[in-house]
Amino acid sequence: MKQPIITLAVVGMAVAALMGCQLKEDSMDYFKNESEVMIIKGENHDLNIENRLDRVSLYGSVDITHDQEGLAQALRLKGVLDGMVSVLSEEQRQGVLPDKVVPSTGSKAAALLSDSVTNK
């Protein structure tokens, strides 16, 4: 009987964590908002990708198997990384990419302030 209670608690925490977030299928506006989440579904695990103003957080796991499904998962993950690299490279080319992000206190304003201070 304890298994369903744990499962419901985990589902409840996941729903609460996603409230106010936009679940994305294939791409995000990397480093532009704090409302996008992408989940790469695996057979046994999921990889969560959360967009922030000062970082993109990846957590969880996904198995890249040596088959057609594994290739599809690898290409999806590559697309995510290529999207982030593209944004970072363009900001570097424009001279606006900070040398180092100052850890924020979690608020959007603090992250923006940290970014503007680091750029100066």
Protein backbone atom coordinates (compact mmCIF):
# COMPACT_ATOMS: atom_id res chain seq x y z
CA MET A 1 0.00 0.00 0.00
CA LYS A 2 2.90 2.43 0.51
CA GLN A 3 3.93 2.36 -3.17
CA PRO A 4 0.86 4.32 -4.47
CA ILE A 5 1.32 6.98 -1.78
CA ILE A 6 4.94 7.53 -2.82
CA THR A 7 3.94 7.60 -6.48
CA LEU A 8 1.20 10.17 -5.82
CA ALA A 9 3.62 12.30 -3.79
CA VAL A 10 6.19 12.26 -6.60
CA VAL A 11 3.55 13.13 -9.21
CA GLY A 12 2.28 15.94 -6.98
CA MET A 13 5.79 17.37 -6.58
CA ALA A 14 6.37 17.20 -10.35
CA VAL A 15 3.10 19.02 -11.07
CA ALA A 16 3.93 21.69 -8.49
CA ALA A 17 7.41 22.15 -9.97
CA LEU A 18 5.98 22.65 -13.47
CA MET A 19 3.25 25.11 -12.49
CA GLY A 20 3.79 28.34 -14.39
CA CYS A 21 6.25 26.69 -16.75
CA GLN A 22 5.78 26.09 -20.44
CA LEU A 23 6.53 22.52 -21.48
CA LYS A 24 8.48 22.60 -24.76
CA GLU A 25 8.76 19.84 -27.35
CA ASP A 26 11.92 20.51 -29.35
CA SER A 27 13.48 23.90 -28.73
CA MET A 28 13.67 26.71 -26.20
CA ASP A 29 14.65 30.35 -26.11
CA TYR A 30 17.81 29.48 -24.18
CA PHE A 31 18.84 31.96 -21.47
CA LYS A 32 15.87 34.25 -22.30
CA ASN A 33 13.27 33.28 -19.67
CA GLU A 34 12.58 31.18 -16.61
CA SER A 35 9.40 29.52 -17.80
CA GLU A 36 10.40 26.82 -20.28
CA VAL A 37 10.93 23.16 -19.46
CA MET A 38 11.74 20.30 -21.82
CA ILE A 39 11.56 16.64 -20.86
CA ILE A 40 13.35 14.04 -22.95
CA LYS A 41 11.44 10.88 -22.18
CA GLY A 42 13.30 7.63 -21.85
CA GLU A 43 12.08 4.10 -21.41
CA ASN A 44 13.16 3.97 -17.76
CA HIS A 45 14.20 7.57 -16.98
CA ASP A 46 13.60 11.14 -18.06
CA LEU A 47 16.03 14.00 -18.64
CA ASN A 48 14.65 17.37 -17.54
CA ILE A 49 15.93 20.60 -19.08
CA GLU A 50 14.94 23.85 -17.36
CA ASN A 51 15.57 27.25 -18.89
CA ARG A 52 16.83 30.13 -16.73
CA LEU A 53 18.16 33.60 -17.42
CA ASP A 54 21.65 32.74 -16.21
CA ARG A 55 21.81 28.98 -16.88
CA VAL A 56 20.08 25.95 -18.37
CA SER A 57 19.75 23.12 -15.87
CA LEU A 58 19.80 19.48 -16.98
CA TYR A 59 18.99 16.76 -14.49
CA GLY A 60 17.80 13.19 -14.49
CA SER A 61 18.99 10.63 -16.99
CA VAL A 62 18.14 9.12 -20.32
CA ASP A 63 19.56 5.98 -21.87
CA ILE A 64 21.10 6.31 -25.33
CA THR A 65 20.78 2.76 -26.62
CA HIS A 66 22.68 1.28 -29.55
CA ASP A 67 19.64 1.20 -31.88
CA GLN A 68 17.29 3.43 -33.88
CA GLU A 69 15.59 4.75 -30.75
CA GLY A 70 18.98 5.55 -29.24
CA LEU A 71 19.94 7.49 -32.35
CA ALA A 72 16.72 9.50 -32.11
CA GLN A 73 17.39 10.28 -28.42
CA ALA A 74 21.00 11.24 -29.15
CA LEU A 75 19.95 13.56 -31.97
CA ARG A 76 17.34 15.22 -29.77
CA LEU A 77 19.91 15.79 -27.02
CA LYS A 78 22.41 17.06 -29.60
CA GLY A 79 19.78 19.51 -30.85
CA VAL A 80 19.34 20.86 -27.32
CA LEU A 81 23.10 21.28 -26.84
CA ASP A 82 23.53 22.78 -30.32
CA GLY A 83 20.81 25.33 -29.48
CA MET A 84 22.59 26.38 -26.30
CA VAL A 85 25.99 26.56 -28.03
CA SER A 86 24.48 28.67 -30.81
CA VAL A 87 23.13 31.25 -28.34
CA LEU A 88 26.36 31.34 -26.32
CA SER A 89 28.53 31.61 -29.44
CA GLU A 90 26.44 34.45 -30.86
CA GLU A 91 26.62 36.38 -27.58
CA GLN A 92 30.40 35.80 -27.51
CA ARG A 93 30.66 37.08 -31.09
CA GLN A 94 28.69 40.19 -30.10
CA GLY A 95 30.91 40.73 -27.05
CA VAL A 96 28.04 40.43 -24.55
CA LEU A 97 28.78 36.98 -23.08
CA PRO A 98 29.92 37.39 -19.45
CA ASP A 99 33.22 35.85 -18.36
CA LYS A 100 31.49 34.20 -15.40
CA VAL A 101 27.95 34.19 -14.05
CA VAL A 102 27.61 35.44 -10.49
CA PRO A 103 25.35 33.02 -8.59
CA SER A 104 21.95 34.62 -8.14
CA THR A 105 19.64 34.44 -5.16
CA GLY A 106 17.03 32.79 -7.34
CA SER A 107 15.12 35.85 -8.46
CA LYS A 108 14.92 37.03 -12.06
CA ALA A 109 16.00 40.52 -11.02
CA ALA A 110 19.07 39.20 -9.21
CA ALA A 111 20.05 37.13 -12.24
CA LEU A 112 19.67 40.13 -14.55
CA LEU A 113 21.61 42.34 -12.15
CA SER A 114 24.36 39.75 -11.85
CA ASP A 115 24.60 39.52 -15.63
CA SER A 116 24.83 43.29 -16.10
CA VAL A 117 27.46 43.64 -13.35
CA THR A 118 29.53 40.77 -14.77
CA ASN A 119 29.47 42.33 -18.25
CA LYS A 120 30.98 45.62 -17.02
